[in-house]
Amino acid sequence: MKNLILTFTLMAFASLSFAQEDMVFDPTTSSVTPNFMGRVMLVKGEGFAKGDDGEERKLQKGFKVYKDDTIWTGKSSVMKIQLTDTSIITLGVESVVKMEEWEFKTQRDRNATLNVVKGKVRAYFRLKSKRPDQLKVKTGNISMGIRGTKILANSFKSKGGVDVNQMALIEGSAKLIDSVTGFEKSFGVGDHYISVAKGDETKYDIQRLPDAELKRLLAPGSDYKTQFQPFLNEFDSAGLFGDGREPSSLGSPEYEDDSKTSNKSWRDTLNKLNEKLDEYETTRKKIRRKYPQ
C-alpha cells in the first residue's frame, strides 16, 4: 500500500513538471515533496535571490527559489513566481520579499508566512489551506491570516520619512491584525487597511476600494500565466501628521517609465508589457514546433 501511495504521489508531482532531482523522499511519512519553494514564471527586467549562504543569484524564467531566499526586483523590473502549492507571488518595481516560514506537505497542507519587506506585491493563494492559521502575509506591523485569497500589499517610506504599510483584499476573506495598535478585524473583498508611522506615532485607516479600482485590480480578461496584473496604488499619507491636507488612497502607479520623453500612463506601459510577453510566447511556440526536441 505504501508503494502504491508513493507511486501516485510521484505521478502527481510529475504532472507539475518537477524533475526527479527536485524531489525529496521522507521515509517516515512515505511522502515525496519538492526540495525547492517555487519557480520564476515571468520576469521583466532583473530579479534576484539570496540564500542564507549570502550568495546572490540572478533569476530568469524557470529558475528555482528556496525557502531561505530573500527575493527582490531591480529598477523598472517586475517578476512573478509560482510556488509549489500553485500560489503565485508577483513583485513590483524594486520590491523585496522573504518567506519567513515554508513547510510543505501537500498543496493544501502547508504553512507559509510571506513578509513583504519593501515595495509592491500581489499574492494569489489559489488553493485553500486546511486551517486558517496556516497561511499569512505580513508587511511591517500588519498581517493577514488567510486560507485562499488574493491580497495586495505595499510597504514604502514616503518623502517625508513616513513609513507606510498597506493591505487590500480583492478576493476571499481574511483576518487582519495590527501588532502595534492592537487592531483586529475580519476582512472581506474590497477592504483596504493602511498603517502610517512617523517616529513613535502610528496611525491607521480603513477604506473601501471603489468599485472601479477593485475591477482594475482584479484585471478581468488577463491571463495570469503570461501577463502581469496591476498592483495597489501607494497611499498618500499627506495630512495624517499635521500638514493640513486630507489623506488620499490615490498615489503613484506600480510601473515607472524611466524614459525621459515618455508621458504614458501605467496602463499603456502594462499593455505594452503584456503584448511583448504574448509575442515572446508565440515565437517560442513556433520555434518549438519547427525544432522539436
Protein backbone atom coordinates (compact mmCIF):
# COMPACT_ATOMS: atom_id res chain seq x y z
CA MET A 1 0.00 0.00 0.00
CA LYS A 2 2.84 2.41 0.86
CA ASN A 3 4.43 1.74 -2.52
CA LEU A 4 1.10 2.43 -4.22
CA ILE A 5 0.70 5.73 -2.35
CA LEU A 6 4.26 6.71 -3.23
CA THR A 7 3.65 5.90 -6.90
CA PHE A 8 0.55 8.10 -7.05
CA THR A 9 2.41 10.89 -5.24
CA LEU A 10 5.24 10.77 -7.75
CA MET A 11 2.75 10.80 -10.63
CA ALA A 12 1.03 13.87 -9.18
CA PHE A 13 4.25 15.83 -8.92
CA ALA A 14 5.37 14.63 -12.34
CA SER A 15 2.31 16.36 -13.77
CA LEU A 16 3.72 19.62 -12.39
CA SER A 17 6.89 19.15 -14.48
CA PHE A 18 9.18 18.62 -11.48
CA ALA A 19 12.25 16.53 -12.28
CA GLN A 20 13.26 13.66 -10.03
CA GLU A 21 16.29 15.55 -8.77
CA ASP A 22 13.89 18.23 -7.49
CA MET A 23 12.18 15.80 -5.12
CA VAL A 24 12.94 14.64 -1.59
CA PHE A 25 11.59 11.38 -0.15
CA ASP A 26 10.65 11.32 3.54
CA PRO A 27 10.77 7.67 4.71
CA THR A 28 8.96 8.47 7.96
CA THR A 29 5.83 9.60 6.12
CA SER A 30 6.36 7.78 2.81
CA SER A 31 5.86 11.10 1.05
CA VAL A 32 7.69 12.94 -1.69
CA THR A 33 7.98 16.73 -1.67
CA PRO A 34 9.87 19.30 -3.75
CA ASN A 35 13.21 20.45 -2.34
CA PHE A 36 12.57 24.00 -3.54
CA MET A 37 9.84 26.57 -2.89
CA GLY A 38 8.91 27.71 -6.38
CA ARG A 39 9.96 28.77 -9.87
CA VAL A 40 10.05 32.06 -11.73
CA MET A 41 7.07 32.26 -14.12
CA LEU A 42 7.74 35.65 -15.70
CA VAL A 43 10.33 38.36 -15.30
CA LYS A 44 10.71 41.76 -16.95
CA GLY A 45 13.98 43.47 -16.18
CA GLU A 46 16.05 42.00 -13.37
CA GLY A 47 15.14 39.69 -10.50
CA PHE A 48 17.46 38.37 -7.81
CA ALA A 49 17.58 35.98 -4.86
CA LYS A 50 19.99 35.48 -1.98
CA GLY A 51 20.02 32.49 0.36
CA ASP A 52 21.32 32.21 3.90
CA ASP A 53 24.75 31.43 2.45
CA GLY A 54 24.91 35.03 1.21
CA GLU A 55 25.30 34.05 -2.45
CA GLU A 56 23.37 36.35 -4.80
CA ARG A 57 21.69 34.78 -7.84
CA LYS A 58 20.19 36.47 -10.88
CA LEU A 59 16.81 34.94 -11.67
CA GLN A 60 15.36 34.11 -15.06
CA LYS A 61 12.21 32.33 -16.19
CA GLY A 62 12.22 28.75 -14.90
CA PHE A 63 14.83 29.36 -12.18
CA LYS A 64 14.13 27.96 -8.72
CA VAL A 65 13.72 29.84 -5.45
CA TYR A 66 14.10 28.33 -1.99
CA LYS A 67 12.53 28.84 1.40
CA ASP A 68 15.57 30.65 2.85
CA ASP A 69 15.79 33.10 -0.05
CA THR A 70 15.34 36.84 0.08
CA ILE A 71 13.90 37.74 -3.33
CA TRP A 72 13.88 41.17 -4.97
CA THR A 73 13.46 43.08 -8.22
CA GLY A 74 15.54 45.88 -9.70
CA LYS A 75 14.63 49.26 -11.13
CA SER A 76 11.80 49.13 -13.72
CA SER A 77 11.53 45.38 -13.09
CA VAL A 78 8.65 43.06 -12.21
CA MET A 79 8.67 39.32 -11.52
CA LYS A 80 6.13 36.56 -10.99
CA ILE A 81 6.88 33.37 -9.03
CA GLN A 82 4.74 30.23 -8.80
CA LEU A 83 5.16 28.30 -5.56
CA THR A 84 4.96 24.52 -5.40
CA ASP A 85 1.46 24.77 -3.88
CA THR A 86 0.40 26.66 -7.09
CA SER A 87 0.24 30.03 -5.27
CA ILE A 88 1.53 33.00 -7.25
CA ILE A 89 3.62 35.85 -5.84
CA THR A 90 4.20 38.91 -8.04
CA LEU A 91 6.81 41.52 -7.12
CA GLY A 92 6.54 45.08 -8.40
CA VAL A 93 9.35 47.51 -9.15
CA GLU A 94 12.21 47.50 -6.59
CA SER A 95 10.33 45.17 -4.24
CA VAL A 96 11.67 42.73 -1.65
CA VAL A 97 10.01 39.64 -0.13
CA LYS A 98 11.12 36.97 2.31
CA MET A 99 9.29 33.72 3.03
CA GLU A 100 9.79 33.59 6.79
CA GLU A 101 8.08 30.21 7.05
CA TRP A 102 7.63 27.48 4.45
CA GLU A 103 6.65 23.95 5.43
CA PHE A 104 5.23 21.97 2.53
CA LYS A 105 3.43 18.64 2.95
CA THR A 106 0.83 18.78 0.19
CA GLN A 107 -0.58 21.55 -1.96
CA ARG A 108 -3.40 22.08 0.56
CA ASP A 109 -1.47 21.24 3.70
CA ARG A 110 1.36 23.73 4.10
CA ASN A 111 2.48 26.52 6.41
CA ALA A 112 3.69 29.78 4.92
CA THR A 113 4.42 33.31 6.12
CA LEU A 114 5.25 35.78 3.36
CA ASN A 115 6.92 39.00 4.52
CA VAL A 116 6.65 41.96 2.17
CA VAL A 117 9.80 43.82 3.20
CA LYS A 118 9.59 46.62 0.65
CA GLY A 119 7.67 47.65 -2.43
CA LYS A 120 4.50 46.27 -4.03
CA VAL A 121 3.35 42.65 -4.06
CA ARG A 122 0.37 40.62 -5.26
CA ALA A 123 -0.21 37.28 -3.55
CA TYR A 124 -2.67 34.79 -5.06
CA PHE A 125 -3.19 31.70 -2.91
CA ARG A 126 -5.15 29.55 -5.35
CA LEU A 127 -5.79 26.54 -3.10
CA LYS A 128 -7.37 26.85 0.32
CA SER A 129 -5.36 25.60 3.27
CA LYS A 130 -6.70 23.07 5.75
CA ARG A 131 -6.69 25.64 8.57
CA PRO A 132 -6.98 29.45 8.52
CA ASP A 133 -3.79 29.89 10.56
CA GLN A 134 -1.54 28.11 8.06
CA LEU A 135 -1.07 30.97 5.58
CA LYS A 136 -0.06 34.53 6.44
CA VAL A 137 1.02 37.65 4.59
CA LYS A 138 2.68 40.42 6.58
CA THR A 139 4.22 43.80 5.98
CA GLY A 140 5.61 45.96 8.75
CA ASN A 141 3.28 45.76 11.75
CA ILE A 142 0.24 44.32 9.94
CA SER A 143 -0.51 40.74 8.94
CA MET A 144 -3.37 38.78 7.40
CA GLY A 145 -4.22 35.17 8.18
CA ILE A 146 -5.81 33.59 5.15
CA ARG A 147 -6.90 30.29 3.61
CA GLY A 148 -7.16 31.01 -0.11
CA THR A 149 -7.42 34.52 -1.49
CA LYS A 150 -5.89 37.42 -3.42
CA ILE A 151 -4.02 40.01 -1.38
CA LEU A 152 -2.17 43.14 -2.39
CA ALA A 153 0.44 44.67 -0.09
CA ASN A 154 2.62 47.78 -0.18
CA SER A 155 5.50 48.80 2.08
CA PHE A 156 7.40 52.03 1.49
CA LYS A 157 8.81 55.19 3.07
CA SER A 158 7.29 58.44 1.84
CA LYS A 159 9.32 61.54 1.00
CA GLY A 160 8.51 62.97 4.43
CA GLY A 161 10.09 60.00 6.19
CA VAL A 162 6.75 58.34 6.95
CA ASP A 163 6.61 54.53 6.96
CA VAL A 164 3.51 53.33 5.12
CA ASN A 165 2.20 49.75 5.08
CA GLN A 166 -0.94 48.75 3.21
CA MET A 167 -3.00 45.62 2.63
CA ALA A 168 -6.08 45.17 0.48
CA LEU A 169 -8.20 42.09 -0.14
CA ILE A 170 -9.64 41.63 -3.63
CA GLU A 171 -10.84 38.03 -3.34
CA GLY A 172 -11.75 35.70 -0.46
CA SER A 173 -11.68 36.56 3.24
CA ALA A 174 -9.01 37.06 5.89
CA LYS A 175 -8.32 38.23 9.42
CA LEU A 176 -6.11 41.29 9.80
CA ILE A 177 -4.02 42.07 12.89
CA ASP A 178 -2.01 45.23 13.62
CA SER A 179 0.65 44.34 16.19
CA VAL A 180 1.28 48.00 17.12
CA THR A 181 -2.24 49.39 17.51
CA GLY A 182 -3.81 46.09 18.56
CA PHE A 183 -6.48 46.46 15.87
CA GLU A 184 -8.08 43.22 14.65
CA LYS A 185 -10.77 42.76 12.03
CA SER A 186 -12.18 40.17 9.66
CA PHE A 187 -11.65 41.47 6.14
CA GLY A 188 -13.75 40.95 3.05
CA VAL A 189 -13.44 41.78 -0.62
CA GLY A 190 -12.58 45.44 -1.18
CA ASP A 191 -11.31 46.18 2.34
CA HIS A 192 -8.12 48.29 2.43
CA TYR A 193 -6.04 48.82 5.59
CA ILE A 194 -3.36 51.48 5.90
CA SER A 195 -0.82 51.86 8.72
CA VAL A 196 1.25 55.06 8.82
CA ALA A 197 4.13 55.56 11.27
CA LYS A 198 6.33 58.57 11.94
CA GLY A 199 8.76 58.32 14.81
CA ASP A 200 6.94 56.79 17.78
CA GLU A 201 3.48 57.68 16.46
CA THR A 202 1.40 55.23 14.44
CA LYS A 203 -1.96 55.92 12.82
CA TYR A 204 -4.21 53.72 10.75
CA ASP A 205 -7.15 54.00 8.42
CA ILE A 206 -9.64 51.55 6.88
CA GLN A 207 -11.09 52.25 3.48
CA ARG A 208 -13.24 50.54 0.89
CA LEU A 209 -11.76 50.24 -2.56
CA PRO A 210 -14.04 51.94 -5.11
CA ASP A 211 -15.76 49.53 -7.50
CA ALA A 212 -13.75 50.86 -10.44
CA GLU A 213 -10.48 50.37 -8.54
CA LEU A 214 -11.46 46.86 -7.46
CA LYS A 215 -12.25 45.97 -11.06
CA ARG A 216 -8.88 47.37 -12.17
CA LEU A 217 -7.03 45.30 -9.60
CA LEU A 218 -8.90 42.11 -10.48
CA ALA A 219 -7.79 42.66 -14.10
CA PRO A 220 -10.64 40.75 -15.76
CA GLY A 221 -9.65 39.09 -19.02
CA SER A 222 -5.93 38.99 -18.30
CA ASP A 223 -4.01 35.72 -18.28
CA TYR A 224 -2.08 35.27 -15.03
CA LYS A 225 0.23 32.72 -16.68
CA THR A 226 1.53 35.06 -19.37
CA GLN A 227 0.71 38.58 -18.15
CA PHE A 228 1.32 40.83 -15.16
CA GLN A 229 -1.68 42.16 -13.24
CA PRO A 230 -1.93 45.63 -11.60
CA PHE A 231 -0.66 46.47 -8.12
CA LEU A 232 -2.21 48.54 -5.35
CA ASN A 233 -1.52 52.27 -5.66
CA GLU A 234 0.63 53.81 -2.94
CA PHE A 235 -1.30 55.56 -0.18
CA ASP A 236 -0.70 59.30 0.03
CA SER A 237 -0.17 59.94 3.76
CA ALA A 238 -0.27 63.75 3.44
CA GLY A 239 -2.46 65.25 6.17
CA LEU A 240 -2.08 62.49 8.75
CA PHE A 241 0.72 64.34 10.54
CA GLY A 242 -0.47 67.92 10.59
CA ASP A 243 0.28 69.47 7.23
CA GLY A 244 -3.35 70.41 6.72
CA ARG A 245 -4.11 68.23 3.70
CA GLU A 246 -6.54 65.34 3.55
CA PRO A 247 -5.06 61.85 3.13
CA SER A 248 -5.81 60.09 -0.12
CA SER A 249 -5.60 56.50 -1.29
CA LEU A 250 -4.51 57.71 -4.72
CA GLY A 251 -0.80 57.57 -5.37
CA SER A 252 1.88 56.65 -7.83
CA PRO A 253 1.26 53.74 -10.20
CA GLU A 254 3.12 50.44 -10.00
CA TYR A 255 5.20 50.88 -13.16
CA GLU A 256 7.63 53.76 -13.50
CA ASP A 257 8.64 54.65 -17.06
CA ASP A 258 12.27 55.72 -16.91
CA SER A 259 12.19 57.16 -20.43
CA LYS A 260 12.85 60.93 -20.41
CA THR A 261 10.42 61.54 -23.27
CA SER A 262 7.53 59.29 -22.30
CA ASN A 263 4.44 60.59 -20.55
CA LYS A 264 2.39 57.43 -20.97
CA SER A 265 0.20 56.13 -18.18
CA TRP A 266 0.79 52.90 -16.27
CA ARG A 267 -1.98 51.31 -18.36
CA ASP A 268 -0.05 51.95 -21.56
CA THR A 269 3.09 50.51 -20.01
CA LEU A 270 1.26 47.45 -18.70
CA ASN A 271 -0.45 46.83 -22.04
CA LYS A 272 2.85 47.09 -23.92
CA LEU A 273 4.49 44.70 -21.47
CA ASN A 274 1.74 42.12 -21.89
CA GLU A 275 1.88 42.50 -25.69
CA LYS A 276 5.62 41.77 -25.60
CA LEU A 277 5.02 38.70 -23.44
CA ASP A 278 2.38 37.44 -25.88
CA GLU A 279 4.80 37.95 -28.79
CA TYR A 280 7.50 36.07 -26.91
CA GLU A 281 5.21 33.11 -26.17
CA THR A 282 4.05 32.96 -29.81
CA THR A 283 7.64 33.00 -31.10
CA ARG A 284 8.72 30.36 -28.58
CA LYS A 285 5.90 28.02 -29.63
CA LYS A 286 6.77 28.44 -33.32
CA ILE A 287 10.41 27.59 -32.64
CA ARG A 288 9.46 24.50 -30.62
CA ARG A 289 7.18 23.29 -33.43
CA LYS A 290 9.87 23.87 -36.03
CA TYR A 291 12.69 22.39 -33.96
CA PRO A 292 11.12 19.77 -31.66
CA GLN A 293 13.37 18.34 -29.02
